[in-house]
């Protein structure tokens, strides 16, 4: 029985070695800076649901035109998602119309995309339906089409989300009174008959407008990140050797050089970070393994311990899709914010 604690310790040490080796394989933490930067670049491409050839298929002039017309994500801006609910006023609008006041927290230049979300009640029809979303200014009687989509007649309650004409929404957001009146119609495709002219709620409260906006972010505390920053050499380009587990950062130019991604509209540059350094101090290890770290070096070493990311953040990118449309996406896991050994 006196050998039982020792056997348990050896078994635990072996288990920890398995975790370490697997983590090192998954994170690539034993590789150099060039590997990490290329891995981050690949993550960005996968996050856009594209491959290398597809990113190169967009005409350069189309990308440049979009950069001139659209708001840019950069180190001072990020993607914000805002939602507003309908405001009903029976004195100003007709039945089956819905009044919205566009937020004044952003300008038309900052508006990237607009969506409408609502529920449709069951419609027992063999015909497919066309959903038409129209809108007018509060002071006008003229409706303009915002979106149209074909669906099968729903047999149960169904939520619908449609992308709206962002140029019209930009125009209306700059009005002195930025209010619009929305109307939603459901028509049978084969007969053009209007079968429904409302959402599931009689007062339209379930209709929601969504806005993707480029806004200035709030400053975040970086105290923990600053404590872990890797030290650089005099040139500021290379990480000093023999450092304990730390966060390495680089600014990648996405428009030129070896990390260029042709279809990205913005941001032109991003700051990325990954984990580097050695694992010699007990304080660098994750809490589960820390008190065994010194003993693991004595029992047997299957290779260096892995300094890897345990917390990470995202970047927002705007890009041209393989179909030539403009999209924006939030891509996670490209900025390490906390590193530890295991």
Protein backbone atom coordinates (compact mmCIF):
# COMPACT_ATOMS: atom_id res chain seq x y z
CA UNK A 1 0.00 0.00 0.00
CA UNK A 2 2.92 2.33 0.64
CA UNK A 3 3.64 2.35 -3.11
CA UNK A 4 0.08 3.33 -4.02
CA UNK A 5 0.58 7.13 -3.84
CA UNK A 6 3.69 6.83 -6.02
CA UNK A 7 1.87 4.67 -8.60
CA UNK A 8 -1.01 7.13 -8.72
CA UNK A 9 1.45 9.97 -9.24
CA UNK A 10 3.20 8.13 -12.10
CA UNK A 11 -0.16 7.40 -13.74
CA UNK A 12 -1.18 11.06 -13.43
CA UNK A 13 2.15 12.13 -14.87
CA UNK A 14 1.60 9.82 -17.85
CA UNK A 15 -1.88 11.27 -18.36
CA UNK A 16 -0.49 14.78 -18.28
CA UNK A 17 2.13 13.83 -20.87
CA UNK A 18 -0.63 12.60 -23.19
CA UNK A 19 -2.49 15.90 -22.80
CA UNK A 20 0.69 17.88 -23.38
CA UNK A 21 1.65 16.02 -26.54
CA UNK A 22 -1.88 16.31 -27.98
CA UNK A 23 -2.12 20.00 -27.13
CA UNK A 24 1.24 20.69 -28.72
CA UNK A 25 0.10 18.92 -31.89
CA UNK A 26 -3.20 20.80 -32.07
CA UNK A 27 -1.82 24.26 -31.32
CA UNK A 28 1.48 24.05 -33.18
CA UNK A 29 3.07 25.84 -30.23
CA UNK A 30 6.45 24.24 -30.82
CA UNK A 31 6.66 25.88 -34.26
CA UNK A 32 8.20 29.21 -35.23
CA UNK A 33 6.65 32.62 -35.87
CA UNK A 34 6.32 32.04 -39.62
CA UNK A 35 4.19 28.96 -38.96
CA UNK A 36 1.88 30.81 -36.57
CA UNK A 37 1.33 33.73 -38.96
CA UNK A 38 0.51 31.41 -41.84
CA UNK A 39 -1.84 29.46 -39.58
CA UNK A 40 -3.66 32.69 -38.65
CA UNK A 41 -3.89 33.61 -42.34
CA UNK A 42 -5.45 30.20 -43.08
CA UNK A 43 -7.94 30.73 -40.25
CA UNK A 44 -9.04 34.02 -41.83
CA UNK A 45 -9.62 32.34 -45.21
CA UNK A 46 -11.54 29.44 -43.64
CA UNK A 47 -13.58 31.94 -41.60
CA UNK A 48 -14.76 33.47 -44.88
CA UNK A 49 -15.76 29.95 -46.03
CA UNK A 50 -13.45 30.22 -49.03
CA UNK A 51 -10.21 28.71 -50.31
CA UNK A 52 -7.04 30.34 -51.66
CA UNK A 53 -8.09 30.20 -55.31
CA UNK A 54 -11.51 31.71 -54.57
CA UNK A 55 -9.94 34.68 -52.77
CA UNK A 56 -7.92 35.40 -55.92
CA UNK A 57 -10.86 35.17 -58.34
CA UNK A 58 -12.41 38.58 -57.56
CA UNK A 59 -11.43 41.37 -60.02
CA UNK A 60 -9.05 43.82 -58.24
CA UNK A 61 -11.01 46.83 -59.52
CA UNK A 62 -14.17 45.56 -57.79
CA UNK A 63 -12.31 45.26 -54.49
CA UNK A 64 -10.86 48.76 -54.82
CA UNK A 65 -14.27 50.25 -55.67
CA UNK A 66 -15.78 48.65 -52.57
CA UNK A 67 -12.96 50.04 -50.44
CA UNK A 68 -13.76 53.53 -51.67
CA UNK A 69 -17.52 53.27 -51.08
CA UNK A 70 -17.89 51.20 -47.91
CA UNK A 71 -16.97 52.01 -44.31
CA UNK A 72 -13.70 50.44 -43.26
CA UNK A 73 -12.93 48.21 -40.32
CA UNK A 74 -9.59 49.22 -38.84
CA UNK A 75 -7.86 49.34 -35.50
CA UNK A 76 -10.41 51.95 -34.37
CA UNK A 77 -13.60 50.21 -35.51
CA UNK A 78 -15.37 46.90 -35.04
CA UNK A 79 -18.67 45.33 -35.97
CA UNK A 80 -21.66 46.18 -33.79
CA UNK A 81 -25.04 44.48 -34.10
CA UNK A 82 -28.08 46.55 -33.11
CA UNK A 83 -31.76 45.59 -32.99
CA UNK A 84 -34.89 47.75 -32.81
CA UNK A 85 -38.55 46.80 -32.34
CA UNK A 86 -41.60 48.20 -34.03
CA UNK A 87 -43.34 51.33 -32.73
CA UNK A 88 -47.08 51.24 -33.33
CA UNK A 89 -49.07 54.45 -33.79
CA UNK A 90 -52.55 54.00 -35.19
CA UNK A 91 -52.94 57.71 -35.93
CA UNK A 92 -50.00 57.78 -38.36
CA UNK A 93 -50.11 54.44 -40.14
CA UNK A 94 -52.65 52.12 -41.75
CA UNK A 95 -53.58 48.64 -40.52
CA UNK A 96 -50.94 45.99 -41.33
CA UNK A 97 -48.20 48.65 -41.53
CA UNK A 98 -45.40 48.92 -39.01
CA UNK A 99 -43.58 52.05 -37.87
CA UNK A 100 -39.87 52.04 -37.05
CA UNK A 101 -37.56 54.80 -35.89
CA UNK A 102 -34.03 54.24 -37.20
CA UNK A 103 -31.42 54.68 -34.42
CA UNK A 104 -29.40 57.88 -34.54
CA UNK A 105 -26.41 56.21 -32.89
CA UNK A 106 -24.75 55.74 -36.29
CA UNK A 107 -24.45 57.51 -39.65
CA UNK A 108 -25.32 56.15 -43.08
CA UNK A 109 -21.61 55.75 -43.84
CA UNK A 110 -21.25 53.36 -40.90
CA UNK A 111 -24.20 51.16 -41.89
CA UNK A 112 -23.05 47.85 -43.40
CA UNK A 113 -26.13 45.62 -43.56
CA UNK A 114 -29.79 45.67 -42.52
CA UNK A 115 -32.05 42.68 -41.87
CA UNK A 116 -35.69 42.15 -40.94
CA UNK A 117 -36.83 39.28 -38.73
CA UNK A 118 -40.44 38.21 -38.18
CA UNK A 119 -42.71 35.18 -37.81
CA UNK A 120 -45.18 33.88 -40.35
CA UNK A 121 -48.26 31.94 -39.26
CA UNK A 122 -49.28 28.68 -41.01
CA UNK A 123 -50.63 29.06 -44.56
CA UNK A 124 -52.36 25.98 -45.95
CA UNK A 125 -51.71 26.34 -49.65
CA UNK A 126 -50.14 24.09 -52.26
CA UNK A 127 -48.56 27.09 -53.96
CA UNK A 128 -45.16 28.54 -53.12
CA UNK A 129 -45.19 32.05 -51.72
CA UNK A 130 -43.36 35.27 -52.47
CA UNK A 131 -42.57 37.49 -49.48
CA UNK A 132 -42.34 41.17 -50.38
CA UNK A 133 -41.02 43.69 -47.86
CA UNK A 134 -41.75 47.34 -48.75
CA UNK A 135 -41.20 50.60 -46.93
CA UNK A 136 -41.97 54.30 -47.20
CA UNK A 137 -40.98 57.45 -45.41
CA UNK A 138 -43.41 58.48 -42.69
CA UNK A 139 -44.25 61.67 -44.59
CA UNK A 140 -44.78 59.93 -47.96
CA UNK A 141 -47.31 57.51 -49.45
CA UNK A 142 -44.84 55.97 -51.92
CA UNK A 143 -43.56 52.50 -51.05
CA UNK A 144 -40.18 51.18 -52.21
CA UNK A 145 -39.24 47.48 -52.39
CA UNK A 146 -36.66 46.45 -49.78
CA UNK A 147 -36.53 42.67 -50.21
CA UNK A 148 -38.24 39.74 -51.87
CA UNK A 149 -37.93 36.01 -51.26
CA UNK A 150 -39.68 32.81 -52.31
CA UNK A 151 -40.61 30.11 -49.77
CA UNK A 152 -42.78 27.01 -49.50
CA UNK A 153 -46.11 27.61 -47.79
CA UNK A 154 -45.39 27.02 -44.07
CA UNK A 155 -47.40 24.30 -42.31
CA UNK A 156 -46.43 25.65 -38.89
CA UNK A 157 -45.26 28.91 -37.43
CA UNK A 158 -41.92 29.86 -38.99
CA UNK A 159 -39.35 32.58 -38.39
CA UNK A 160 -38.15 34.51 -41.44
CA UNK A 161 -35.01 36.64 -41.70
CA UNK A 162 -34.33 38.68 -44.84
CA UNK A 163 -31.56 41.05 -45.91
CA UNK A 164 -32.87 44.51 -46.88
CA UNK A 165 -31.70 47.04 -49.47
CA UNK A 166 -28.97 48.76 -47.48
CA UNK A 167 -28.70 51.76 -49.82
CA UNK A 168 -32.32 52.73 -49.19
CA UNK A 169 -31.84 52.22 -45.46
CA UNK A 170 -28.78 54.49 -45.57
CA UNK A 171 -30.82 57.18 -47.34
CA UNK A 172 -33.60 57.00 -44.73
CA UNK A 173 -31.18 56.97 -41.79
CA UNK A 174 -30.01 60.47 -42.82
CA UNK A 175 -33.52 61.97 -42.71
CA UNK A 176 -34.21 64.71 -40.17
CA UNK A 177 -36.92 62.40 -38.78
CA UNK A 178 -35.47 58.93 -39.52
CA UNK A 179 -38.74 56.99 -39.37
CA UNK A 180 -40.02 54.46 -41.90
CA UNK A 181 -43.24 52.50 -42.35
CA UNK A 182 -42.86 48.81 -43.30
CA UNK A 183 -45.33 46.51 -45.01
CA UNK A 184 -44.97 42.74 -45.46
CA UNK A 185 -47.01 40.88 -48.08
CA UNK A 186 -47.27 37.16 -48.83
CA UNK A 187 -48.43 36.32 -52.37
CA UNK A 188 -49.08 32.99 -54.10
CA UNK A 189 -46.62 32.62 -56.95
CA UNK A 190 -49.00 30.90 -59.37
CA UNK A 191 -51.94 33.32 -58.88
CA UNK A 192 -50.27 36.47 -57.51
CA UNK A 193 -52.99 36.49 -54.85
CA UNK A 194 -52.14 38.19 -51.54
CA UNK A 195 -52.83 35.58 -48.86
CA UNK A 196 -51.42 37.39 -45.83
CA UNK A 197 -50.49 40.98 -45.06
CA UNK A 198 -49.27 40.91 -41.50
CA UNK A 199 -46.96 39.02 -39.14
CA UNK A 200 -48.01 36.53 -36.48
CA UNK A 201 -48.78 39.22 -33.88
CA UNK A 202 -51.81 41.38 -34.50
CA UNK A 203 -49.84 44.45 -33.43
CA UNK A 204 -46.59 43.46 -35.15
CA UNK A 205 -44.46 43.45 -32.00
CA UNK A 206 -42.44 40.46 -33.17
CA UNK A 207 -41.03 42.33 -36.19
CA UNK A 208 -37.41 43.31 -35.58
CA UNK A 209 -34.98 45.37 -37.65
CA UNK A 210 -31.30 44.48 -37.31
CA UNK A 211 -28.36 46.72 -38.20
CA UNK A 212 -24.70 45.78 -38.73
CA UNK A 213 -22.69 48.93 -37.99
CA UNK A 214 -18.98 49.81 -37.96
CA UNK A 215 -18.45 51.65 -34.67
CA UNK A 216 -15.58 52.76 -32.45
CA UNK A 217 -15.04 50.19 -29.70
CA UNK A 218 -14.67 50.95 -26.03
CA UNK A 219 -11.14 50.71 -24.70
CA UNK A 220 -10.48 47.38 -23.05
CA UNK A 221 -8.20 46.72 -20.13
CA UNK A 222 -5.06 44.97 -21.32
CA UNK A 223 -3.29 44.63 -17.98
CA UNK A 224 -3.06 40.84 -18.14
CA UNK A 225 -2.05 40.93 -21.78
CA UNK A 226 0.64 43.54 -21.10
CA UNK A 227 2.10 41.44 -18.29
CA UNK A 228 2.50 38.51 -20.65
CA UNK A 229 3.88 40.39 -23.65
CA UNK A 230 6.99 38.75 -25.12
CA UNK A 231 10.13 40.90 -25.08
CA UNK A 232 11.54 41.85 -28.48
CA UNK A 233 15.11 42.47 -29.63
CA UNK A 234 16.45 45.96 -30.41
CA UNK A 235 15.06 45.88 -33.93
CA UNK A 236 11.58 45.15 -32.59
CA UNK A 237 11.15 42.38 -35.17
CA UNK A 238 12.27 39.22 -33.38
CA UNK A 239 11.27 37.66 -30.06
CA UNK A 240 14.11 37.30 -27.59
CA UNK A 241 14.98 33.63 -26.91
CA UNK A 242 14.63 31.74 -23.60
CA UNK A 243 11.54 33.62 -22.44
CA UNK A 244 8.88 32.14 -20.21
CA UNK A 245 5.40 31.52 -21.72
CA UNK A 246 4.25 34.87 -23.20
CA UNK A 247 2.07 36.51 -25.88
CA UNK A 248 3.72 37.50 -29.16
CA UNK A 249 2.03 40.11 -31.34
CA UNK A 250 2.42 41.20 -34.94
CA UNK A 251 0.62 43.57 -37.30
CA UNK A 252 -0.21 41.79 -40.55
CA UNK A 253 -0.70 43.76 -43.77
CA UNK A 254 -3.59 42.04 -45.58
CA UNK A 255 -3.17 44.05 -48.81
CA UNK A 256 0.43 43.32 -49.70
CA UNK A 257 3.34 41.05 -48.92
CA UNK A 258 3.38 37.34 -48.16
CA UNK A 259 0.24 37.45 -46.00
CA UNK A 260 -1.91 39.30 -48.54
CA UNK A 261 -5.51 38.07 -48.93
CA UNK A 262 -6.82 39.43 -52.22
CA UNK A 263 -10.56 39.56 -51.51
CA UNK A 264 -10.46 41.35 -48.14
CA UNK A 265 -11.93 44.84 -48.37
CA UNK A 266 -11.14 45.86 -44.80
CA UNK A 267 -9.38 46.11 -42.47
CA UNK A 268 -6.14 46.78 -44.35
CA UNK A 269 -4.11 45.59 -41.35
CA UNK A 270 -4.85 43.50 -38.27
CA UNK A 271 -2.97 42.94 -35.04
CA UNK A 272 -2.73 39.23 -34.28
CA UNK A 273 -1.15 37.39 -31.38
CA UNK A 274 -0.12 33.87 -30.46
CA UNK A 275 1.62 32.09 -27.60
CA UNK A 276 5.39 31.64 -27.51
CA UNK A 277 8.16 30.97 -25.01
CA UNK A 278 9.15 28.15 -22.71
CA UNK A 279 7.45 26.39 -19.79
CA UNK A 280 9.93 26.24 -16.91
CA UNK A 281 8.17 28.08 -14.08
CA UNK A 282 5.42 26.43 -12.09
CA UNK A 283 3.39 29.66 -12.27
CA UNK A 284 3.15 29.30 -16.06
CA UNK A 285 1.21 26.04 -15.88
CA UNK A 286 -2.55 25.72 -15.82
CA UNK A 287 -3.90 25.18 -12.27
CA UNK A 288 -4.71 21.49 -12.87
CA UNK A 289 -1.09 20.66 -13.64
CA UNK A 290 0.95 23.34 -11.87
CA UNK A 291 1.92 21.47 -8.70
CA UNK A 292 3.14 18.51 -10.75
CA UNK A 293 5.16 20.52 -13.30
CA UNK A 294 8.52 20.31 -11.52
CA UNK A 295 8.18 16.57 -10.92
CA UNK A 296 7.28 15.96 -14.56
CA UNK A 297 10.69 17.25 -15.63
CA UNK A 298 12.33 14.79 -13.18
CA UNK A 299 10.24 11.68 -14.00
CA UNK A 300 10.91 11.90 -17.70
CA UNK A 301 10.67 14.44 -20.51
CA UNK A 302 8.79 13.59 -23.72
CA UNK A 303 9.62 16.97 -25.21
CA UNK A 304 9.09 20.61 -24.26
CA UNK A 305 5.88 21.62 -22.51
CA UNK A 306 3.42 23.58 -24.58
CA UNK A 307 2.72 27.29 -24.10
CA UNK A 308 -0.66 27.64 -25.77
CA UNK A 309 -3.70 29.95 -25.85
CA UNK A 310 -6.36 29.33 -23.19
CA UNK A 311 -8.33 32.47 -24.08
CA UNK A 312 -8.66 34.19 -27.46
CA UNK A 313 -10.49 37.00 -29.22
CA UNK A 314 -11.80 37.73 -32.73
CA UNK A 315 -11.39 40.07 -35.68
CA UNK A 316 -14.11 41.55 -37.91
CA UNK A 317 -13.45 41.47 -41.65
CA UNK A 318 -15.34 42.72 -44.69
CA UNK A 319 -14.69 40.78 -47.87
CA UNK A 320 -15.91 39.94 -51.36
CA UNK A 321 -17.46 36.48 -51.64
CA UNK A 322 -16.82 34.03 -54.46
CA UNK A 323 -20.07 35.29 -56.05
CA UNK A 324 -18.86 38.90 -55.98
CA UNK A 325 -21.15 40.03 -53.14
CA UNK A 326 -19.86 41.96 -50.12
CA UNK A 327 -20.10 40.24 -46.76
CA UNK A 328 -18.77 40.80 -43.26
CA UNK A 329 -17.86 38.18 -40.73
CA UNK A 330 -16.51 37.81 -37.21
CA UNK A 331 -13.63 35.31 -37.20
CA UNK A 332 -12.72 33.82 -33.86
CA UNK A 333 -9.50 32.40 -32.45
CA UNK A 334 -6.96 34.61 -34.25
CA UNK A 335 -5.91 36.74 -31.26
CA UNK A 336 -4.49 34.99 -28.20
CA UNK A 337 -5.32 36.97 -25.05
CA UNK A 338 -4.14 34.54 -22.37
CA UNK A 339 -1.46 31.86 -22.52
CA UNK A 340 -0.58 29.00 -20.18
CA UNK A 341 1.49 25.83 -20.18
CA UNK A 342 0.20 22.27 -20.18
